[in-house]
N, C-alpha and C. Protein backbone atom coordinates (compact mmCIF):
# COMPACT_ATOMS: atom_id res chain seq x y z
N MET A 1 239.40 72.47 -63.38
CA MET A 1 239.66 74.50 -63.04
C MET A 1 237.90 75.14 -62.24
N ARG A 2 237.32 74.79 -62.58
CA ARG A 2 236.04 74.76 -61.67
C ARG A 2 235.93 74.14 -61.07
N HIS A 3 235.93 72.69 -60.74
CA HIS A 3 236.03 72.02 -59.91
C HIS A 3 237.22 72.55 -58.83
N ARG A 4 238.42 73.43 -58.90
CA ARG A 4 239.29 74.16 -58.13
C ARG A 4 238.58 75.32 -57.22
N ILE A 5 237.90 75.87 -58.60
CA ILE A 5 237.37 76.95 -57.56
C ILE A 5 235.98 76.74 -56.57
N LEU A 6 235.27 75.69 -57.16
CA LEU A 6 234.40 75.44 -56.12
C LEU A 6 234.94 74.77 -54.64
N LYS A 7 236.13 74.05 -54.66
CA LYS A 7 236.51 73.84 -53.76
C LYS A 7 237.05 75.01 -52.76
N TYR A 8 237.68 75.63 -52.94
CA TYR A 8 238.04 77.08 -52.63
C TYR A 8 237.11 77.75 -51.94
N ALA A 9 235.78 77.93 -52.95
CA ALA A 9 234.85 78.51 -52.28
C ALA A 9 234.25 78.10 -51.18
N ILE A 10 233.96 76.75 -51.34
CA ILE A 10 234.15 75.90 -49.88
C ILE A 10 234.36 75.86 -48.74
N ILE A 11 236.05 75.94 -49.13
CA ILE A 11 236.84 76.11 -47.93
C ILE A 11 236.48 77.66 -47.15
N ALA A 12 236.59 78.83 -48.29
CA ALA A 12 236.17 80.12 -47.72
C ALA A 12 234.94 80.24 -46.90
N LEU A 13 233.65 79.76 -47.57
CA LEU A 13 233.17 79.10 -46.86
C LEU A 13 232.57 78.97 -45.48
N ALA A 14 233.02 77.49 -45.52
CA ALA A 14 233.44 76.85 -44.30
C ALA A 14 234.09 78.01 -43.05
N SER A 15 235.14 78.24 -43.69
CA SER A 15 235.82 79.58 -42.77
C SER A 15 235.18 80.29 -41.80
N ALA A 16 234.69 81.15 -43.11
CA ALA A 16 233.90 82.47 -42.60
C ALA A 16 232.98 81.45 -41.64
N LEU A 17 231.74 80.44 -42.26
CA LEU A 17 231.04 80.18 -40.79
C LEU A 17 231.43 80.09 -39.23
N MET A 18 232.66 79.06 -39.49
CA MET A 18 233.65 78.56 -38.04
C MET A 18 233.65 79.98 -37.68
N MET A 19 234.22 81.09 -38.49
CA MET A 19 234.69 82.09 -37.74
C MET A 19 232.99 83.15 -36.74
N SER A 20 232.36 83.07 -37.48
CA SER A 20 231.07 84.11 -37.36
C SER A 20 230.79 82.97 -35.67
N GLY A 21 230.84 81.87 -35.73
CA GLY A 21 230.52 81.63 -34.71
C GLY A 21 231.18 81.05 -33.84
N CYS A 22 232.22 81.57 -33.74
CA CYS A 22 233.68 81.64 -32.96
C CYS A 22 233.45 83.04 -32.46
N THR A 23 233.66 83.20 -30.78
CA THR A 23 233.59 84.62 -30.29
C THR A 23 234.80 84.22 -29.65
N VAL A 24 235.70 85.30 -29.15
CA VAL A 24 236.98 85.39 -27.75
C VAL A 24 236.50 86.16 -26.89
N SER A 25 236.44 85.48 -25.99
CA SER A 25 235.74 86.71 -24.69
C SER A 25 236.56 86.04 -23.35
N TYR A 26 236.77 87.12 -22.65
CA TYR A 26 237.23 87.24 -21.63
C TYR A 26 236.83 88.09 -20.56
N LYS A 27 236.54 87.31 -19.10
CA LYS A 27 235.69 87.91 -18.24
C LYS A 27 237.02 88.64 -17.30
N LEU A 28 237.59 89.92 -16.91
CA LEU A 28 238.38 90.02 -16.06
C LEU A 28 237.66 90.95 -14.75
N ASN A 29 237.84 90.58 -13.70
CA ASN A 29 237.59 91.12 -12.34
C ASN A 29 237.93 92.33 -12.68
N GLY A 30 238.85 93.04 -13.15
CA GLY A 30 239.83 94.13 -12.81
C GLY A 30 240.48 94.45 -11.71
N ALA A 31 240.65 93.36 -10.59
CA ALA A 31 240.96 93.60 -9.42
C ALA A 31 242.90 93.31 -9.86
N SER A 32 243.85 94.56 -9.53
CA SER A 32 244.91 94.34 -9.14
C SER A 32 245.61 94.58 -7.90
N ILE A 33 245.10 93.54 -7.39
CA ILE A 33 245.76 93.20 -5.92
C ILE A 33 246.90 92.46 -5.56
N ASP A 34 247.84 92.66 -4.97
CA ASP A 34 248.94 92.37 -4.09
C ASP A 34 248.79 91.34 -3.39
N TYR A 35 248.20 90.40 -3.33
CA TYR A 35 248.15 89.33 -2.20
C TYR A 35 249.23 89.09 -1.08
N ASN A 36 250.32 89.13 -1.67
CA ASN A 36 251.10 89.09 -0.47
C ASN A 36 251.20 90.61 0.11
N THR A 37 250.88 91.44 -0.36
CA THR A 37 250.79 92.77 1.02
C THR A 37 249.78 92.96 1.62
N ILE A 38 248.49 92.76 0.38
CA ILE A 38 246.97 93.47 0.88
C ILE A 38 246.26 92.51 1.00
N LYS A 39 245.71 92.02 2.25
CA LYS A 39 245.07 90.61 2.56
C LYS A 39 243.35 90.87 2.82
N THR A 40 243.52 92.25 3.99
CA THR A 40 241.85 92.41 4.58
C THR A 40 241.56 93.41 3.93
N ILE A 41 240.28 93.56 4.06
CA ILE A 41 239.71 95.11 3.48
C ILE A 41 238.15 94.88 4.39
N THR A 42 238.25 96.30 5.00
CA THR A 42 237.24 96.75 6.04
C THR A 42 236.06 97.42 5.19
N VAL A 43 234.80 97.33 5.41
CA VAL A 43 233.76 97.88 4.40
C VAL A 43 232.99 98.63 5.58
N GLU A 44 232.84 99.83 6.21
CA GLU A 44 232.18 100.66 7.27
C GLU A 44 230.90 100.27 6.41
N THR A 45 229.85 100.49 7.35
CA THR A 45 228.70 100.67 6.96
C THR A 45 228.62 102.12 6.40
N PHE A 46 227.71 102.20 5.47
CA PHE A 46 227.39 103.66 4.79
C PHE A 46 226.18 104.02 5.24
N SER A 47 225.96 105.15 5.91
CA SER A 47 224.71 106.01 6.34
C SER A 47 224.19 106.37 5.17
N ASN A 48 222.71 106.96 5.15
CA ASN A 48 221.81 107.41 4.00
C ASN A 48 221.74 108.91 4.89
N ARG A 49 222.32 109.21 4.33
CA ARG A 49 222.19 111.09 4.75
C ARG A 49 221.63 111.89 3.82
N ALA A 50 221.05 111.44 3.08
CA ALA A 50 220.29 112.35 1.88
C ALA A 50 218.70 112.68 2.69
N ALA A 51 218.62 114.09 2.18
CA ALA A 51 217.60 114.59 2.63
C ALA A 51 216.15 113.93 2.30
N TYR A 52 216.30 112.98 0.94
CA TYR A 52 215.19 112.23 0.73
C TYR A 52 215.10 111.04 0.84
N GLN A 53 214.68 110.51 1.98
CA GLN A 53 215.17 109.12 2.58
C GLN A 53 213.95 107.61 1.78
N TRP A 54 214.83 105.95 1.48
CA TRP A 54 214.01 105.78 1.29
C TRP A 54 214.64 104.40 2.19
N ALA A 55 214.22 103.79 2.99
CA ALA A 55 214.67 103.04 3.91
C ALA A 55 215.43 101.44 3.82
N PRO A 56 215.23 100.81 2.62
CA PRO A 56 215.78 100.05 2.01
C PRO A 56 217.32 99.97 1.17
N MET A 57 217.45 101.38 1.16
CA MET A 57 218.30 101.88 0.12
C MET A 57 219.83 101.95 0.65
N ALA A 58 219.95 102.35 1.89
CA ALA A 58 221.45 102.31 2.50
C ALA A 58 222.07 100.09 2.86
N PRO A 59 221.27 99.74 3.39
CA PRO A 59 221.27 98.11 3.73
C PRO A 59 221.19 97.70 2.38
N MET A 60 220.67 98.10 1.24
CA MET A 60 220.95 97.51 -0.46
C MET A 60 222.24 97.55 -0.73
N PHE A 61 222.53 98.91 -0.55
CA PHE A 61 224.01 99.31 -1.14
C PHE A 61 225.01 98.62 0.19
N ASN A 62 224.99 98.89 1.09
CA ASN A 62 226.13 97.77 1.98
C ASN A 62 226.25 96.78 2.07
N THR A 63 225.20 95.57 1.46
CA THR A 63 225.45 94.52 1.32
C THR A 63 225.77 94.37 -0.25
N SER A 64 225.60 94.92 -1.40
CA SER A 64 226.10 95.35 -2.34
C SER A 64 227.50 95.65 -2.61
N LEU A 65 228.14 96.48 -1.56
CA LEU A 65 229.33 96.68 -1.40
C LEU A 65 230.05 95.84 -0.87
N SER A 66 229.90 95.26 0.09
CA SER A 66 230.52 94.09 0.65
C SER A 66 230.55 92.64 -0.09
N ASP A 67 229.20 92.58 -0.72
CA ASP A 67 229.31 91.31 -1.90
C ASP A 67 230.43 91.45 -2.69
N ILE A 68 230.57 92.62 -3.37
CA ILE A 68 231.49 93.18 -4.89
C ILE A 68 233.02 92.05 -4.69
N TYR A 69 233.25 92.81 -3.14
CA TYR A 69 234.70 92.56 -2.91
C TYR A 69 234.76 91.19 -2.41
N ASN A 70 234.09 90.54 -2.08
CA ASN A 70 233.46 89.22 -1.60
C ASN A 70 234.16 88.43 -2.61
N ARG A 71 233.44 89.06 -3.68
CA ARG A 71 232.84 87.68 -5.09
C ARG A 71 234.17 87.89 -5.53
N GLN A 72 234.49 89.00 -5.73
CA GLN A 72 235.67 89.32 -6.59
C GLN A 72 237.20 89.35 -6.75
N THR A 73 237.40 89.27 -5.43
CA THR A 73 238.48 89.11 -4.58
C THR A 73 239.04 88.17 -3.55
N LYS A 74 240.07 88.13 -3.21
CA LYS A 74 240.37 87.00 -1.97
C LYS A 74 240.54 88.00 -0.91
N LEU A 75 240.50 89.24 -0.82
CA LEU A 75 240.50 89.85 0.30
C LEU A 75 239.72 89.01 1.44
N ARG A 76 240.01 89.39 3.14
CA ARG A 76 239.50 88.46 3.58
C ARG A 76 238.75 89.72 4.35
N GLN A 77 237.36 90.11 5.08
CA GLN A 77 236.96 91.28 5.46
C GLN A 77 236.77 91.03 6.76
N VAL A 78 237.25 92.07 7.28
CA VAL A 78 237.25 92.18 8.49
C VAL A 78 236.66 93.56 9.33
N LYS A 79 236.24 93.80 10.66
CA LYS A 79 235.31 94.61 10.88
C LYS A 79 236.10 96.07 11.15
N ARG A 80 237.47 96.10 11.50
CA ARG A 80 238.19 96.99 11.62
C ARG A 80 239.59 97.02 11.27
N ASP A 81 240.57 98.17 10.57
CA ASP A 81 241.83 97.99 10.73
C ASP A 81 242.18 97.01 9.59
N GLY A 82 241.36 96.61 8.58
CA GLY A 82 242.10 96.07 7.13
C GLY A 82 243.08 97.47 6.76
N ASP A 83 243.79 96.61 5.96
CA ASP A 83 244.91 96.97 5.17
C ASP A 83 244.29 97.90 3.99
N LEU A 84 242.92 97.91 3.12
CA LEU A 84 242.35 98.26 2.87
C LEU A 84 240.83 99.03 3.53
N VAL A 85 240.67 100.21 3.49
CA VAL A 85 239.23 100.57 4.21
C VAL A 85 238.39 101.69 3.51
N LEU A 86 237.38 101.74 3.55
CA LEU A 86 236.34 101.98 2.76
C LEU A 86 235.20 102.37 3.62
N SER A 87 235.02 104.11 3.79
CA SER A 87 234.04 104.36 4.49
C SER A 87 233.26 105.34 3.46
N GLY A 88 231.83 106.19 4.42
CA GLY A 88 231.58 107.09 3.35
C GLY A 88 229.86 106.77 4.16
N GLU A 89 229.01 107.97 3.31
CA GLU A 89 227.64 107.72 3.35
C GLU A 89 227.16 107.76 2.06
N ILE A 90 225.86 108.17 1.73
CA ILE A 90 224.97 108.17 0.80
C ILE A 90 224.42 109.67 1.05
N THR A 91 224.94 110.69 0.20
CA THR A 91 224.84 111.72 0.30
C THR A 91 223.33 112.60 -0.66
N SER A 92 223.37 112.01 -1.67
CA SER A 92 221.91 112.47 -2.28
C SER A 92 221.28 111.52 -2.71
N TYR A 93 219.89 111.53 -2.90
CA TYR A 93 218.83 110.42 -3.35
C TYR A 93 217.76 111.23 -3.91
N ASP A 94 217.36 111.43 -5.20
CA ASP A 94 216.68 113.02 -5.75
C ASP A 94 215.87 112.50 -7.01
N GLN A 95 214.78 112.71 -7.15
CA GLN A 95 213.82 112.53 -8.61
C GLN A 95 213.98 114.10 -9.10
N THR A 96 214.74 114.26 -10.32
CA THR A 96 213.76 115.52 -11.20
C THR A 96 212.88 115.51 -12.15
N ASN A 97 212.44 115.97 -12.85
CA ASN A 97 211.48 115.77 -13.88
C ASN A 97 212.74 116.14 -15.38
N LYS A 98 212.68 115.18 -16.21
CA LYS A 98 213.88 115.02 -17.97
C LYS A 98 213.28 115.46 -18.38
N SER A 99 211.63 114.95 -18.94
CA SER A 99 211.42 115.88 -19.99
C SER A 99 210.33 116.26 -20.15
N VAL A 100 209.44 116.79 -20.52
CA VAL A 100 208.28 117.46 -20.82
C VAL A 100 207.41 116.81 -22.16
N ALA A 101 206.46 116.38 -21.81
CA ALA A 101 205.77 116.51 -22.91
C ALA A 101 204.88 117.15 -23.66
N ALA A 102 204.13 117.17 -24.57
CA ALA A 102 203.19 118.27 -25.52
C ALA A 102 202.02 118.75 -24.88
N ASP A 103 201.68 118.20 -23.78
CA ASP A 103 200.50 118.70 -22.84
C ASP A 103 201.16 119.63 -21.51
N GLY A 104 202.60 119.66 -21.45
CA GLY A 104 202.88 120.27 -20.44
C GLY A 104 203.81 119.66 -19.50
N TYR A 105 202.85 118.61 -19.55
CA TYR A 105 203.39 117.65 -18.07
C TYR A 105 204.85 116.74 -18.58
N SER A 106 205.31 116.73 -17.17
CA SER A 106 206.57 116.10 -17.18
C SER A 106 206.29 114.77 -18.19
N SER A 107 207.14 113.87 -18.96
CA SER A 107 207.28 112.64 -19.53
C SER A 107 208.26 111.56 -18.99
N MET A 108 209.44 111.98 -18.08
CA MET A 108 210.02 111.14 -17.99
C MET A 108 210.42 111.97 -16.83
N VAL A 109 210.78 111.42 -15.70
CA VAL A 109 211.86 111.51 -14.20
C VAL A 109 212.96 110.38 -14.22
N GLN A 110 213.92 111.20 -13.57
CA GLN A 110 215.48 110.78 -13.01
C GLN A 110 215.22 110.93 -11.91
N LEU A 111 215.70 109.69 -11.73
CA LEU A 111 216.04 109.35 -10.12
C LEU A 111 217.41 109.31 -10.11
N ARG A 112 217.91 109.79 -9.06
CA ARG A 112 219.63 110.04 -9.21
C ARG A 112 220.02 109.49 -7.63
N MET A 113 221.20 108.91 -7.19
CA MET A 113 221.79 109.12 -6.17
C MET A 113 223.26 108.93 -6.44
N ALA A 114 223.61 109.63 -5.21
CA ALA A 114 225.40 109.42 -5.11
C ALA A 114 226.04 109.35 -3.63
N VAL A 115 226.84 108.81 -3.59
CA VAL A 115 227.82 108.01 -2.77
C VAL A 115 229.15 109.15 -2.45
N LYS A 116 229.64 109.45 -1.17
CA LYS A 116 230.68 109.92 -1.10
C LYS A 116 231.22 109.19 -0.02
N VAL A 117 232.63 108.04 -1.32
CA VAL A 117 233.44 107.71 -0.39
C VAL A 117 234.84 107.74 -0.31
N LYS A 118 235.52 107.33 1.61
CA LYS A 118 236.74 107.48 1.70
C LYS A 118 237.37 105.99 1.37
N PHE A 119 238.57 105.91 0.71
CA PHE A 119 239.31 105.00 0.77
C PHE A 119 241.00 105.26 1.41
N THR A 120 240.79 104.08 2.22
CA THR A 120 242.33 104.30 2.57
C THR A 120 243.22 103.04 2.54
N ASN A 121 244.83 103.27 1.67
CA ASN A 121 245.07 101.58 1.62
C ASN A 121 246.22 101.91 2.72
N ASN A 122 246.03 101.17 3.73
CA ASN A 122 246.91 101.27 4.78
C ASN A 122 248.12 100.81 4.31
N LYS A 123 248.32 100.49 3.20
CA LYS A 123 249.71 99.50 2.84
C LYS A 123 250.45 100.43 2.13
N LYS A 124 249.34 101.34 1.07
CA LYS A 124 249.93 102.58 0.24
C LYS A 124 249.43 103.67 0.31
N HIS A 125 249.52 104.23 1.03
CA HIS A 125 248.12 105.42 1.58
C HIS A 125 248.93 106.99 0.59
N GLY A 126 249.32 106.28 -0.69
CA GLY A 126 249.20 107.47 -2.35
C GLY A 126 248.05 106.94 -2.74
N ASP A 127 247.82 105.60 -2.51
CA ASP A 127 246.34 104.96 -3.33
C ASP A 127 245.08 105.90 -2.47
N ASP A 128 244.99 106.99 -1.84
CA ASP A 128 243.93 106.96 -0.79
C ASP A 128 243.42 107.93 -1.62
N PHE A 129 242.03 108.46 -1.67
CA PHE A 129 241.32 108.99 -1.73
C PHE A 129 239.86 109.27 -1.15
N GLU A 130 238.91 110.41 -1.42
CA GLU A 130 237.70 110.60 -1.16
C GLU A 130 236.92 111.75 -2.10
N ARG A 131 236.22 111.07 -2.30
CA ARG A 131 235.37 111.23 -3.99
C ARG A 131 233.93 110.83 -3.62
N SER A 132 232.99 111.40 -4.53
CA SER A 132 231.42 110.81 -4.72
C SER A 132 231.62 110.00 -6.07
N PHE A 133 230.62 109.34 -5.77
CA PHE A 133 230.00 108.53 -7.53
C PHE A 133 228.39 108.56 -7.15
N SER A 134 228.15 108.62 -8.74
CA SER A 134 226.80 108.92 -8.62
C SER A 134 226.98 107.65 -10.06
N ALA A 135 224.85 107.50 -10.04
CA ALA A 135 224.50 107.04 -11.14
C ALA A 135 222.67 107.87 -10.75
N SER A 136 222.25 107.47 -12.45
CA SER A 136 220.94 107.88 -12.38
C SER A 136 220.36 106.84 -13.22
N ARG A 137 219.01 106.92 -12.95
CA ARG A 137 218.26 105.53 -14.42
C ARG A 137 216.83 106.83 -14.27
N GLU A 138 216.17 106.71 -15.56
CA GLU A 138 214.79 107.62 -15.80
C GLU A 138 213.57 106.27 -15.76
N TYR A 139 212.54 106.66 -15.64
CA TYR A 139 211.28 106.05 -15.68
C TYR A 139 210.41 106.80 -16.08
N ASP A 140 209.31 106.32 -16.87
CA ASP A 140 208.60 107.30 -17.32
C ASP A 140 207.36 107.48 -16.31
N SER A 141 207.03 109.03 -16.36
CA SER A 141 206.35 109.57 -15.14
C SER A 141 204.70 109.18 -15.22
N SER A 142 204.35 107.98 -15.85
CA SER A 142 202.96 107.69 -15.76
C SER A 142 203.04 106.55 -14.97
N GLN A 143 204.22 105.94 -14.45
CA GLN A 143 204.45 105.04 -13.62
C GLN A 143 204.59 105.62 -12.03
N GLN A 144 204.51 105.18 -10.49
CA GLN A 144 204.27 105.32 -9.42
C GLN A 144 206.07 105.33 -9.08
N LEU A 145 206.49 106.09 -8.59
CA LEU A 145 208.04 105.58 -7.82
C LEU A 145 208.13 104.61 -7.42
N THR A 146 207.16 104.21 -6.42
CA THR A 146 207.17 103.31 -5.58
C THR A 146 207.15 101.77 -6.42
N SER A 147 206.37 101.92 -7.50
CA SER A 147 206.13 100.60 -8.59
C SER A 147 207.50 100.27 -8.93
N VAL A 148 208.45 101.14 -9.54
CA VAL A 148 209.74 101.20 -9.51
C VAL A 148 211.22 101.08 -9.43
N GLN A 149 210.92 101.80 -7.91
CA GLN A 149 211.72 102.20 -7.23
C GLN A 149 212.66 101.11 -6.66
N GLU A 150 212.57 100.05 -6.46
CA GLU A 150 213.12 99.19 -5.73
C GLU A 150 214.25 98.92 -7.02
N GLU A 151 213.66 98.66 -8.08
CA GLU A 151 214.69 97.95 -9.50
C GLU A 151 215.32 99.23 -9.59
N LEU A 152 215.33 100.15 -9.82
CA LEU A 152 215.81 101.28 -10.17
C LEU A 152 216.90 101.63 -9.12
N VAL A 153 216.92 101.93 -7.78
CA VAL A 153 217.35 101.90 -7.02
C VAL A 153 218.81 100.44 -7.08
N GLN A 154 218.39 99.33 -6.52
CA GLN A 154 219.65 97.95 -7.23
C GLN A 154 220.18 98.39 -8.30
N GLN A 155 219.69 98.78 -9.82
CA GLN A 155 220.66 99.37 -11.16
C GLN A 155 221.56 100.37 -10.43
N MET A 156 220.92 101.41 -10.10
CA MET A 156 221.71 102.54 -9.50
C MET A 156 223.54 102.25 -8.63
N ILE A 157 222.58 101.56 -7.57
CA ILE A 157 223.85 100.94 -6.39
C ILE A 157 224.68 100.01 -7.57
N ASP A 158 224.34 98.78 -8.15
CA ASP A 158 225.13 98.17 -8.85
C ASP A 158 226.10 98.75 -10.04
N ASP A 159 225.75 100.16 -10.22
CA ASP A 159 226.44 100.94 -11.05
C ASP A 159 227.77 101.66 -10.05
N ILE A 160 227.16 102.44 -9.32
CA ILE A 160 227.96 103.09 -8.06
C ILE A 160 228.95 102.15 -7.53
N VAL A 161 228.45 100.57 -7.14
CA VAL A 161 229.68 99.58 -6.52
C VAL A 161 230.61 99.41 -7.37
N ASP A 162 230.19 99.20 -9.17
CA ASP A 162 230.80 98.76 -9.87
C ASP A 162 232.28 100.03 -10.13
N GLN A 163 231.82 101.13 -10.05
CA GLN A 163 232.64 102.08 -10.23
C GLN A 163 233.14 102.54 -8.59
N ILE A 164 233.59 101.92 -7.57
CA ILE A 164 234.15 102.29 -6.23
C ILE A 164 234.74 101.40 -6.45
N PHE A 165 234.57 100.01 -6.75
CA PHE A 165 235.28 98.78 -6.77
C PHE A 165 236.42 99.35 -8.07
N ASN A 166 236.03 99.60 -9.41
CA ASN A 166 237.13 100.32 -10.23
C ASN A 166 238.41 101.15 -9.59
N ALA A 167 237.54 102.33 -8.91
CA ALA A 167 238.59 103.18 -8.60
C ALA A 167 239.37 102.49 -7.23
N THR A 168 238.91 101.66 -6.62
CA THR A 168 239.40 101.15 -5.30
C THR A 168 240.93 100.23 -5.63
N VAL A 169 240.53 98.75 -6.22
CA VAL A 169 240.91 97.96 -6.74
C VAL A 169 241.59 97.75 -7.96
N ALA A 170 240.50 98.36 -8.88
CA ALA A 170 240.87 97.65 -10.88
C ALA A 170 241.80 98.70 -10.83
N LYS A 171 241.64 99.56 -10.03
CA LYS A 171 242.48 101.14 -10.91
C LYS A 171 242.41 101.84 -12.25
N TRP A 172 241.37 101.56 -12.19
CA TRP A 172 240.36 101.37 -13.66
C TRP A 172 240.26 103.48 -13.49
C-alpha cells in the first residue's frame, strides 16, 4: 500500500513538473486578409504637422509603418492605387509635466504623439475610416529629453503602428 502511494506521488510530481515546464504559445500576426482579393497596399508618406518638431520622427514613423506590412502580410507595396491605401500625418508631438515632487518641481514628464490616419479599402469601402491614434511615454524630469527622445519616440511609433495595423488588416 505504501509503495503504491509512493508510486502515485512520484507520477503526480513528474506530471506537475512536466506541465510546468511546458507552455503552449502561439503567435498570430493578426492579419485577416483575403489575398485572393487584396494583393497590394499603398503606404503614403506621413508628414509631420505637429507644432513641436523633431526631424527624425517622420522618417522613423514611415519606415516602421511600411515595415510592419512587409513583415506581417503578403501584400505587395505599390506607390499608388493599392487595394489598400494608408495616408495621413503626424498631428501632435508634445511633452507635459506628469507629476510634481515634494519640492514643487516636476518629477515626471509625459511625451505624447498622435497620428491621423485615413484608411481606404478599394475592394470593400465599408472598411474605410479616418481616425487618430496616439501613444505616450513618461520619463524622469532629471533626464534631458535629448538623451531619451529617440528611444521613447520609437516606442510610441511601435505602439501606434501596431494600433494602425490592428485597425486596418487585423480587425481588432
